[in-house]
C-alpha cells in the first residue's frame, strides 16, 4: 500500500491555503499541525534553541494566516512556508543579543541505536552538530534544507530569496568548512 503522492499532498496544501485565505480556522489548524514538526526540525537546526524556534514557528504561521491570499502558486506551498520561516528566523536572530547555544537534543535522533554503537554514534552526532553550529546561518540553512528536508537547489533558492548559483556556492563552501571542522575529529 502506498502513501499519498507528492502531487496530492501539494494539492491538499494549495486547497488549505485557499481556505485559509477565506478565514477557515480549521484549515489553518490542519496546516499548522502538518507543518509544525518539519518547521521545528528546520529551525532547531538553524537557531539551536527550542523555545526560540517555537516562537519563530508561531511568527511564521501568523504570517501564513494573515498573508495566505498573497500565495501565488509560483512555488510549492512548502517552499513558500519555509521561506517565511527562514525570514522570520533571520529577524529573530537579529534580535538575540547573545549567541544562541546549541541544543544537543536536536542532534540526537529518536531512533534506537545498538548499545555497542551508542557511544560512537552519540559522539559523531555531537561532532557533526558542533561543526554545523560553526557554519554561518546561510551555510547552515543550505545544508539543513538539502540534507534534512530534501529540497532541491531551486526550492532552496526560492526559500532563501537568492539565485541557484548562490545556493550552489554556499553549499560548496559549507561542505569545505565542514571538512575542515570535522577533520579535527578524525
N, C-alpha and C. Protein backbone atom coordinates (compact mmCIF):
# COMPACT_ATOMS: atom_id res chain seq x y z
N UNK A 1 0.85 -1.17 0.00
CA UNK A 1 0.00 0.00 0.00
C UNK A 1 0.89 1.24 0.00
N UNK A 2 0.59 2.19 -0.81
CA UNK A 2 1.40 3.40 -0.94
C UNK A 2 0.71 4.56 -0.22
N UNK A 3 1.55 5.49 0.28
CA UNK A 3 1.02 6.71 0.91
C UNK A 3 0.60 7.68 -0.17
N UNK A 4 0.16 8.85 0.26
CA UNK A 4 -0.26 9.86 -0.71
C UNK A 4 0.92 10.33 -1.56
N UNK A 5 0.63 10.64 -2.80
CA UNK A 5 1.71 11.10 -3.70
C UNK A 5 2.07 12.54 -3.38
N UNK A 6 3.25 12.95 -3.85
CA UNK A 6 3.71 14.33 -3.63
C UNK A 6 2.73 15.31 -4.26
N UNK A 7 2.19 14.96 -5.41
CA UNK A 7 1.23 15.84 -6.09
C UNK A 7 -0.05 16.01 -5.28
N UNK A 8 -0.54 14.91 -4.68
CA UNK A 8 -1.78 15.02 -3.91
C UNK A 8 -1.54 15.80 -2.62
N UNK A 9 -0.36 15.66 -2.03
CA UNK A 9 -0.03 16.43 -0.82
C UNK A 9 0.05 17.91 -1.17
N UNK A 10 0.71 18.23 -2.29
CA UNK A 10 0.82 19.63 -2.71
C UNK A 10 -0.56 20.20 -3.01
N UNK A 11 -1.41 19.44 -3.66
CA UNK A 11 -2.76 19.93 -3.97
C UNK A 11 -3.55 20.16 -2.68
N UNK A 12 -3.38 19.26 -1.73
CA UNK A 12 -4.05 19.44 -0.43
C UNK A 12 -3.56 20.73 0.25
N UNK A 13 -2.25 20.98 0.19
CA UNK A 13 -1.69 22.21 0.76
C UNK A 13 -2.26 23.45 0.07
N UNK A 14 -2.36 23.40 -1.24
CA UNK A 14 -2.92 24.52 -2.00
C UNK A 14 -4.37 24.76 -1.58
N UNK A 15 -5.13 23.67 -1.47
CA UNK A 15 -6.53 23.79 -1.03
C UNK A 15 -6.61 24.41 0.36
N UNK A 16 -5.73 23.98 1.27
CA UNK A 16 -5.73 24.54 2.62
C UNK A 16 -5.40 26.03 2.60
N UNK A 17 -4.40 26.42 1.81
CA UNK A 17 -4.03 27.84 1.72
C UNK A 17 -5.21 28.66 1.18
N UNK A 18 -5.91 28.14 0.18
CA UNK A 18 -7.07 28.85 -0.37
C UNK A 18 -8.15 29.01 0.69
N UNK A 19 -8.36 27.97 1.48
CA UNK A 19 -9.37 28.04 2.55
C UNK A 19 -8.93 28.99 3.66
N UNK A 20 -7.63 28.99 3.97
CA UNK A 20 -7.10 29.90 4.99
C UNK A 20 -7.28 31.34 4.53
N UNK A 21 -7.04 31.59 3.24
CA UNK A 21 -7.22 32.94 2.69
C UNK A 21 -8.65 33.43 2.88
N UNK A 22 -9.59 32.49 2.99
CA UNK A 22 -11.00 32.84 3.21
C UNK A 22 -11.36 32.86 4.69
N UNK A 23 -10.36 32.67 5.56
CA UNK A 23 -10.58 32.74 7.00
C UNK A 23 -10.98 31.44 7.66
N UNK A 24 -10.73 30.31 7.03
CA UNK A 24 -11.11 29.00 7.56
C UNK A 24 -10.10 28.56 8.64
N UNK A 25 -10.51 28.67 9.91
CA UNK A 25 -9.63 28.33 11.04
C UNK A 25 -9.30 26.83 11.07
N UNK A 26 -10.23 26.00 10.69
CA UNK A 26 -9.99 24.56 10.66
C UNK A 26 -8.88 24.20 9.67
N UNK A 27 -8.90 24.85 8.51
CA UNK A 27 -7.85 24.62 7.52
C UNK A 27 -6.50 25.09 8.06
N UNK A 28 -6.51 26.21 8.77
CA UNK A 28 -5.27 26.72 9.35
C UNK A 28 -4.72 25.75 10.39
N UNK A 29 -5.59 25.25 11.26
CA UNK A 29 -5.15 24.29 12.28
C UNK A 29 -4.57 23.04 11.64
N UNK A 30 -5.19 22.58 10.58
CA UNK A 30 -4.69 21.39 9.88
C UNK A 30 -3.32 21.65 9.26
N UNK A 31 -3.15 22.81 8.61
CA UNK A 31 -1.86 23.15 8.01
C UNK A 31 -0.81 23.31 9.11
N UNK A 32 -1.18 23.95 10.21
CA UNK A 32 -0.26 24.15 11.33
C UNK A 32 0.23 22.80 11.85
N UNK A 33 -0.69 21.88 12.11
CA UNK A 33 -0.31 20.54 12.60
C UNK A 33 0.58 19.81 11.60
N UNK A 34 0.30 19.99 10.33
CA UNK A 34 1.08 19.34 9.29
C UNK A 34 2.51 19.88 9.21
N UNK A 35 2.67 21.19 9.34
CA UNK A 35 3.98 21.81 9.15
C UNK A 35 4.78 21.97 10.43
N UNK A 36 4.15 21.93 11.59
CA UNK A 36 4.87 22.16 12.83
C UNK A 36 6.10 21.26 12.98
N UNK A 37 5.99 19.94 12.81
CA UNK A 37 7.17 19.09 13.01
C UNK A 37 8.33 19.42 12.05
N UNK A 38 8.01 19.67 10.79
CA UNK A 38 9.06 19.97 9.82
C UNK A 38 9.70 21.33 10.10
N UNK A 39 8.88 22.31 10.45
CA UNK A 39 9.43 23.63 10.77
C UNK A 39 10.26 23.57 12.05
N UNK A 40 9.81 22.80 13.03
CA UNK A 40 10.56 22.67 14.28
C UNK A 40 11.93 22.06 14.02
N UNK A 41 11.97 21.01 13.21
CA UNK A 41 13.24 20.37 12.88
C UNK A 41 14.15 21.35 12.13
N UNK A 42 13.61 22.04 11.16
CA UNK A 42 14.37 23.01 10.37
C UNK A 42 14.94 24.12 11.26
N UNK A 43 14.09 24.72 12.06
CA UNK A 43 14.51 25.88 12.84
C UNK A 43 15.42 25.51 14.00
N UNK A 44 15.19 24.37 14.60
CA UNK A 44 16.09 23.96 15.70
C UNK A 44 17.50 23.74 15.19
N UNK A 45 17.63 23.29 13.97
CA UNK A 45 18.97 23.10 13.41
C UNK A 45 19.61 24.43 12.99
N UNK A 46 18.79 25.44 12.80
CA UNK A 46 19.33 26.75 12.41
C UNK A 46 19.64 27.63 13.60
N UNK A 47 18.75 27.66 14.59
CA UNK A 47 18.94 28.58 15.71
C UNK A 47 19.39 27.88 16.99
N UNK A 48 19.37 26.55 17.02
CA UNK A 48 19.86 25.75 18.14
C UNK A 48 19.18 26.11 19.46
N UNK A 49 17.96 26.56 19.41
CA UNK A 49 17.26 26.97 20.61
C UNK A 49 15.79 26.59 20.47
N UNK A 50 15.34 25.62 21.26
CA UNK A 50 13.97 25.13 21.14
C UNK A 50 12.92 26.20 21.34
N UNK A 51 12.96 26.96 22.47
CA UNK A 51 11.94 28.00 22.67
C UNK A 51 11.96 29.07 21.57
N UNK A 52 13.14 29.47 21.13
CA UNK A 52 13.23 30.47 20.07
C UNK A 52 12.65 29.91 18.77
N UNK A 53 12.95 28.64 18.48
CA UNK A 53 12.42 28.05 17.24
C UNK A 53 10.89 27.98 17.29
N UNK A 54 10.32 27.69 18.46
CA UNK A 54 8.86 27.66 18.58
C UNK A 54 8.26 29.05 18.40
N UNK A 55 8.95 30.06 18.90
CA UNK A 55 8.50 31.44 18.70
C UNK A 55 8.51 31.78 17.21
N UNK A 56 9.56 31.34 16.52
CA UNK A 56 9.67 31.60 15.08
C UNK A 56 8.58 30.86 14.31
N UNK A 57 8.27 29.64 14.74
CA UNK A 57 7.18 28.89 14.10
C UNK A 57 5.86 29.65 14.25
N UNK A 58 5.61 30.14 15.44
CA UNK A 58 4.37 30.90 15.66
C UNK A 58 4.34 32.16 14.81
N UNK A 59 5.47 32.86 14.73
CA UNK A 59 5.55 34.05 13.87
C UNK A 59 5.32 33.67 12.41
N UNK A 60 5.90 32.57 12.01
CA UNK A 60 5.76 32.08 10.63
C UNK A 60 4.30 31.77 10.31
N UNK A 61 3.67 31.04 11.19
CA UNK A 61 2.29 30.64 10.93
C UNK A 61 1.33 31.84 11.04
N UNK A 62 1.69 32.84 11.83
CA UNK A 62 0.90 34.07 11.85
C UNK A 62 0.95 34.74 10.48
N UNK A 63 2.13 34.77 9.88
CA UNK A 63 2.26 35.34 8.53
C UNK A 63 1.45 34.51 7.54
N UNK A 64 1.51 33.19 7.65
CA UNK A 64 0.72 32.33 6.76
C UNK A 64 -0.76 32.67 6.91
N UNK A 65 -1.24 32.82 8.15
CA UNK A 65 -2.65 33.13 8.39
C UNK A 65 -3.03 34.48 7.79
N UNK A 66 -2.18 35.48 7.99
CA UNK A 66 -2.54 36.84 7.56
C UNK A 66 -2.22 37.12 6.09
N UNK A 67 -1.35 36.31 5.49
CA UNK A 67 -0.92 36.57 4.11
C UNK A 67 -1.25 35.43 3.15
N UNK A 68 -2.12 34.52 3.55
CA UNK A 68 -2.45 33.38 2.69
C UNK A 68 -2.94 33.81 1.32
N UNK A 69 -3.65 34.92 1.28
CA UNK A 69 -4.18 35.40 -0.01
C UNK A 69 -3.08 35.86 -0.95
N UNK A 70 -1.86 36.07 -0.44
CA UNK A 70 -0.75 36.51 -1.31
C UNK A 70 -0.01 35.34 -1.95
N UNK A 71 -0.31 34.10 -1.51
CA UNK A 71 0.34 32.94 -2.13
C UNK A 71 -0.08 32.89 -3.59
N UNK A 72 0.91 32.88 -4.49
CA UNK A 72 0.60 32.99 -5.92
C UNK A 72 0.83 31.70 -6.72
N UNK A 73 1.24 30.64 -6.08
CA UNK A 73 1.40 29.37 -6.78
C UNK A 73 2.66 29.25 -7.61
N UNK A 74 3.57 30.23 -7.53
CA UNK A 74 4.81 30.15 -8.31
C UNK A 74 5.81 29.16 -7.72
N UNK A 75 5.61 28.79 -6.47
CA UNK A 75 6.45 27.79 -5.82
C UNK A 75 5.53 26.84 -5.06
N UNK A 76 6.10 25.76 -4.55
CA UNK A 76 5.31 24.86 -3.72
C UNK A 76 4.89 25.60 -2.45
N UNK A 77 3.79 25.18 -1.87
CA UNK A 77 3.35 25.75 -0.61
C UNK A 77 4.44 25.57 0.44
N UNK A 78 5.05 24.39 0.47
CA UNK A 78 6.10 24.13 1.45
C UNK A 78 7.28 25.09 1.27
N UNK A 79 7.65 25.38 0.05
CA UNK A 79 8.73 26.32 -0.22
C UNK A 79 8.35 27.71 0.28
N UNK A 80 7.12 28.11 0.04
CA UNK A 80 6.62 29.42 0.48
C UNK A 80 6.66 29.52 2.01
N UNK A 81 6.21 28.47 2.69
CA UNK A 81 6.19 28.48 4.15
C UNK A 81 7.61 28.46 4.71
N UNK A 82 8.49 27.63 4.14
CA UNK A 82 9.88 27.60 4.61
C UNK A 82 10.58 28.93 4.35
N UNK A 83 10.23 29.63 3.27
CA UNK A 83 10.81 30.95 3.01
C UNK A 83 10.38 31.94 4.09
N UNK A 84 9.13 31.85 4.49
CA UNK A 84 8.64 32.71 5.58
C UNK A 84 9.40 32.38 6.86
N UNK A 85 9.56 31.09 7.15
CA UNK A 85 10.27 30.66 8.37
C UNK A 85 11.72 31.14 8.34
N UNK A 86 12.35 31.03 7.19
CA UNK A 86 13.74 31.48 7.04
C UNK A 86 13.85 32.97 7.36
N UNK A 87 12.95 33.76 6.79
CA UNK A 87 12.97 35.22 7.01
C UNK A 87 12.66 35.55 8.47
N UNK A 88 11.72 34.84 9.06
CA UNK A 88 11.41 35.06 10.47
C UNK A 88 12.59 34.65 11.36
N UNK A 89 13.30 33.59 10.95
CA UNK A 89 14.49 33.17 11.68
C UNK A 89 15.58 34.22 11.65
N UNK A 90 15.79 34.81 10.48
CA UNK A 90 16.78 35.89 10.37
C UNK A 90 16.41 37.06 11.28
N UNK A 91 15.12 37.43 11.27
CA UNK A 91 14.66 38.52 12.13
C UNK A 91 14.89 38.20 13.60
N UNK A 92 14.53 36.98 13.99
CA UNK A 92 14.68 36.59 15.40
C UNK A 92 16.14 36.59 15.82
N UNK A 93 17.01 36.08 14.97
CA UNK A 93 18.43 36.05 15.32
C UNK A 93 19.02 37.45 15.40
N UNK A 94 18.49 38.38 14.63
CA UNK A 94 19.00 39.75 14.70
C UNK A 94 18.59 40.42 16.01
N UNK A 95 17.54 39.90 16.66
CA UNK A 95 17.09 40.46 17.94
C UNK A 95 17.82 39.84 19.14
N UNK A 96 18.48 38.70 18.92
CA UNK A 96 19.15 37.99 20.01
C UNK A 96 20.48 38.69 20.29
N UNK A 97 20.66 39.11 21.56
CA UNK A 97 21.88 39.83 21.93
C UNK A 97 23.08 38.90 22.09
N UNK A 98 22.83 37.70 22.59
CA UNK A 98 23.94 36.78 22.83
C UNK A 98 23.84 35.63 21.85
N UNK A 99 24.97 35.00 21.54
CA UNK A 99 24.91 33.86 20.63
C UNK A 99 24.02 32.76 21.21
N UNK A 100 23.28 32.12 20.33
CA UNK A 100 22.39 31.05 20.74
C UNK A 100 23.21 29.78 20.92
N UNK A 101 23.06 29.14 22.07
CA UNK A 101 23.78 27.91 22.36
C UNK A 101 23.11 26.74 21.65
N UNK A 102 23.92 25.79 21.23
CA UNK A 102 23.39 24.63 20.53
C UNK A 102 22.70 23.71 21.51
N UNK A 103 21.52 23.24 21.17
CA UNK A 103 20.76 22.28 21.95
C UNK A 103 21.12 20.90 21.41
N UNK A 104 21.89 20.15 22.16
CA UNK A 104 22.38 18.86 21.67
C UNK A 104 21.25 17.88 21.42
N UNK A 105 20.11 18.05 22.07
CA UNK A 105 18.99 17.16 21.85
C UNK A 105 18.52 17.19 20.39
N UNK A 106 18.74 18.32 19.70
CA UNK A 106 18.29 18.40 18.32
C UNK A 106 19.15 17.53 17.41
N UNK A 107 20.35 17.22 17.86
CA UNK A 107 21.23 16.42 17.02
C UNK A 107 21.10 14.93 17.28
N UNK A 108 20.48 14.55 18.40
CA UNK A 108 20.36 13.14 18.73
C UNK A 108 19.03 12.63 18.19
N UNK A 109 19.12 11.61 17.39
CA UNK A 109 17.94 11.04 16.75
C UNK A 109 17.07 10.31 17.76
N UNK A 110 15.78 10.20 17.45
CA UNK A 110 14.88 9.42 18.27
C UNK A 110 15.03 7.93 18.00
N UNK A 111 15.79 7.59 16.94
CA UNK A 111 15.97 6.19 16.58
C UNK A 111 16.80 5.49 17.65
N UNK A 112 16.51 4.21 17.87
CA UNK A 112 17.29 3.43 18.81
C UNK A 112 18.61 3.04 18.17
N UNK A 113 19.66 3.09 18.96
CA UNK A 113 20.98 2.72 18.48
C UNK A 113 21.42 1.52 19.31
N UNK A 114 22.07 0.55 18.67
CA UNK A 114 22.55 -0.61 19.38
C UNK A 114 23.53 -0.16 20.45
N UNK A 115 23.48 -0.75 21.66
CA UNK A 115 24.31 -0.29 22.77
C UNK A 115 25.81 -0.21 22.44
N UNK A 116 26.32 -1.17 21.69
CA UNK A 116 27.76 -1.16 21.39
C UNK A 116 28.15 -0.02 20.45
N UNK A 117 27.16 0.55 19.73
CA UNK A 117 27.44 1.66 18.82
C UNK A 117 26.97 2.99 19.38
N UNK A 118 26.31 2.95 20.55
CA UNK A 118 25.68 4.15 21.07
C UNK A 118 26.67 5.26 21.36
N UNK A 119 27.78 4.94 22.00
CA UNK A 119 28.74 5.98 22.35
C UNK A 119 29.33 6.61 21.10
N UNK A 120 29.77 5.82 20.15
CA UNK A 120 30.37 6.39 18.95
C UNK A 120 29.33 7.14 18.11
N UNK A 121 28.11 6.65 18.07
CA UNK A 121 27.03 7.32 17.34
C UNK A 121 26.74 8.68 17.98
N UNK A 122 26.66 8.72 19.29
CA UNK A 122 26.41 9.97 20.01
C UNK A 122 27.56 10.94 19.82
N UNK A 123 28.78 10.44 19.91
CA UNK A 123 29.94 11.30 19.71
C UNK A 123 29.95 11.88 18.30
N UNK A 124 29.65 11.04 17.31
CA UNK A 124 29.62 11.52 15.93
C UNK A 124 28.56 12.61 15.75
N UNK A 125 27.38 12.40 16.31
CA UNK A 125 26.33 13.40 16.21
C UNK A 125 26.76 14.71 16.86
N UNK A 126 27.45 14.62 17.98
CA UNK A 126 27.93 15.84 18.65
C UNK A 126 28.97 16.56 17.81
N UNK A 127 29.87 15.79 17.21
CA UNK A 127 30.89 16.41 16.35
C UNK A 127 30.25 17.09 15.15
N UNK A 128 29.30 16.41 14.54
CA UNK A 128 28.60 17.00 13.38
C UNK A 128 27.81 18.22 13.83
N UNK A 129 27.13 18.10 14.96
CA UNK A 129 26.37 19.24 15.50
C UNK A 129 27.26 20.43 15.78
N UNK A 130 28.43 20.16 16.36
CA UNK A 130 29.38 21.23 16.63
C UNK A 130 29.89 21.88 15.36
N UNK A 131 30.14 21.04 14.34
CA UNK A 131 30.60 21.57 13.05
C UNK A 131 29.51 22.41 12.39
N UNK A 132 28.27 21.93 12.42
CA UNK A 132 27.16 22.69 11.84
C UNK A 132 26.97 24.02 12.56
N UNK A 133 27.15 24.00 13.86
CA UNK A 133 26.98 25.22 14.65
C UNK A 133 27.99 26.29 14.23
N UNK A 134 29.16 25.87 13.79
CA UNK A 134 30.21 26.81 13.42
C UNK A 134 29.99 27.43 12.04
N UNK A 135 29.07 26.84 11.26
CA UNK A 135 28.78 27.40 9.94
C UNK A 135 27.98 28.70 10.09
N UNK A 136 28.05 29.55 9.09
CA UNK A 136 27.22 30.75 9.08
C UNK A 136 25.75 30.32 8.95
N UNK A 137 24.86 31.23 9.28
CA UNK A 137 23.43 30.94 9.19
C UNK A 137 23.05 30.51 7.77
N UNK A 138 23.57 31.20 6.76
CA UNK A 138 23.24 30.88 5.37
C UNK A 138 23.77 29.50 4.97
N UNK A 139 25.00 29.18 5.37
CA UNK A 139 25.57 27.87 5.04
C UNK A 139 24.81 26.76 5.77
N UNK A 140 24.49 27.00 7.04
CA UNK A 140 23.73 26.01 7.81
C UNK A 140 22.35 25.80 7.21
N UNK A 141 21.72 26.89 6.73
CA UNK A 141 20.40 26.79 6.12
C UNK A 141 20.44 25.92 4.87
N UNK A 142 21.43 26.15 4.01
CA UNK A 142 21.55 25.35 2.78
C UNK A 142 21.75 23.88 3.12
N UNK A 143 22.61 23.60 4.07
CA UNK A 143 22.86 22.20 4.47
C UNK A 143 21.59 21.56 5.04
N UNK A 144 20.92 22.28 5.90
CA UNK A 144 19.72 21.75 6.56
C UNK A 144 18.60 21.48 5.55
N UNK A 145 18.36 22.44 4.66
CA UNK A 145 17.29 22.25 3.68
C UNK A 145 17.61 21.13 2.69
N UNK A 146 18.88 20.97 2.37
CA UNK A 146 19.28 19.91 1.44
C UNK A 146 19.22 18.53 2.10
N UNK A 147 19.91 18.38 3.21
CA UNK A 147 20.10 17.06 3.80
C UNK A 147 19.01 16.61 4.76
N UNK A 148 18.34 17.55 5.40
CA UNK A 148 17.32 17.16 6.36
C UNK A 148 15.91 17.33 5.82
N UNK A 149 15.74 18.14 4.76
CA UNK A 149 14.40 18.38 4.22
C UNK A 149 14.29 17.99 2.75
N UNK A 150 15.37 17.54 2.14
CA UNK A 150 15.33 17.03 0.78
C UNK A 150 14.93 18.04 -0.28
N UNK A 151 15.18 19.32 -0.03
CA UNK A 151 14.81 20.34 -1.02
C UNK A 151 15.84 20.39 -2.13
N UNK A 152 15.37 20.71 -3.32
CA UNK A 152 16.25 20.91 -4.47
C UNK A 152 16.91 22.29 -4.34
N UNK A 153 17.97 22.51 -5.10
CA UNK A 153 18.63 23.81 -5.09
C UNK A 153 17.65 24.91 -5.53
N UNK A 154 16.78 24.60 -6.46
CA UNK A 154 15.79 25.58 -6.92
C UNK A 154 14.85 25.97 -5.78
N UNK A 155 14.38 24.97 -5.04
CA UNK A 155 13.49 25.25 -3.90
C UNK A 155 14.22 26.04 -2.82
N UNK A 156 15.48 25.71 -2.59
CA UNK A 156 16.26 26.44 -1.59
C UNK A 156 16.46 27.88 -2.04
N UNK A 157 16.74 28.08 -3.31
CA UNK A 157 16.89 29.45 -3.83
C UNK A 157 15.61 30.25 -3.62
N UNK A 158 14.46 29.62 -3.89
CA UNK A 158 13.18 30.30 -3.65
C UNK A 158 12.99 30.60 -2.16
N UNK A 159 13.34 29.64 -1.32
CA UNK A 159 13.19 29.80 0.12
C UNK A 159 14.05 30.94 0.65
N UNK A 160 15.30 30.99 0.18
CA UNK A 160 16.26 31.97 0.71
C UNK A 160 16.26 33.28 -0.06
N UNK A 161 15.52 33.32 -1.17
CA UNK A 161 15.46 34.55 -1.95
C UNK A 161 16.77 34.89 -2.63
N UNK A 162 17.42 33.87 -3.19
CA UNK A 162 18.69 34.09 -3.88
C UNK A 162 18.72 33.23 -5.13
N UNK A 163 19.79 33.33 -5.90
CA UNK A 163 19.89 32.55 -7.14
C UNK A 163 20.33 31.11 -6.84
N UNK A 164 20.09 30.24 -7.79
CA UNK A 164 20.53 28.85 -7.67
C UNK A 164 22.06 28.80 -7.58
N UNK A 165 22.75 29.64 -8.33
CA UNK A 165 24.22 29.68 -8.26
C UNK A 165 24.70 30.08 -6.87
N UNK A 166 23.98 30.98 -6.22
CA UNK A 166 24.34 31.36 -4.85
C UNK A 166 24.17 30.17 -3.92
N UNK A 167 23.09 29.41 -4.10
CA UNK A 167 22.88 28.21 -3.29
C UNK A 167 24.02 27.22 -3.52
N UNK A 168 24.39 27.00 -4.77
CA UNK A 168 25.48 26.08 -5.08
C UNK A 168 26.79 26.54 -4.45
N UNK A 169 27.04 27.84 -4.51
CA UNK A 169 28.27 28.38 -3.92
C UNK A 169 28.26 28.21 -2.40
N UNK A 170 27.12 28.51 -1.78
CA UNK A 170 27.02 28.34 -0.33
C UNK A 170 27.20 26.88 0.06
N UNK A 171 26.64 25.97 -0.73
CA UNK A 171 26.79 24.55 -0.44
C UNK A 171 28.26 24.14 -0.57
N UNK A 172 28.93 24.61 -1.61
CA UNK A 172 30.34 24.29 -1.81
C UNK A 172 31.16 24.72 -0.60
N UNK A 173 30.98 25.98 -0.19
CA UNK A 173 31.76 26.49 0.94
C UNK A 173 31.35 25.83 2.26
N UNK A 174 30.09 25.51 2.41
CA UNK A 174 29.64 24.82 3.62
C UNK A 174 30.30 23.45 3.72
N UNK A 175 30.34 22.73 2.62
CA UNK A 175 30.98 21.40 2.62
C UNK A 175 32.47 21.53 2.92
N UNK A 176 33.12 22.54 2.31
CA UNK A 176 34.55 22.75 2.55
C UNK A 176 34.80 23.03 4.03
N UNK A 177 33.99 23.88 4.62
CA UNK A 177 34.15 24.22 6.03
C UNK A 177 33.88 23.01 6.92
N UNK A 178 32.86 22.24 6.59
CA UNK A 178 32.57 21.04 7.37
C UNK A 178 33.73 20.06 7.32
N UNK A 179 34.35 19.91 6.15
CA UNK A 179 35.51 19.02 6.05
C UNK A 179 36.61 19.46 6.98
N UNK A 180 36.87 20.77 7.02
CA UNK A 180 37.91 21.30 7.90
C UNK A 180 37.53 21.08 9.36
N UNK A 181 36.29 21.43 9.72
CA UNK A 181 35.85 21.30 11.10
C UNK A 181 35.87 19.84 11.56
N UNK A 182 35.43 18.94 10.68
CA UNK A 182 35.33 17.53 11.06
C UNK A 182 36.67 16.81 10.99
N UNK A 183 37.63 17.34 10.24
CA UNK A 183 38.95 16.70 10.14
C UNK A 183 39.63 16.68 11.51
N UNK A 184 39.31 17.61 12.36
CA UNK A 184 39.88 17.65 13.71
C UNK A 184 39.41 16.47 14.55
N UNK A 185 38.26 15.88 14.17
CA UNK A 185 37.70 14.76 14.94
C UNK A 185 38.07 13.41 14.36
N UNK A 186 38.75 13.41 13.23
CA UNK A 186 39.08 12.15 12.57
C UNK A 186 40.21 11.42 13.26
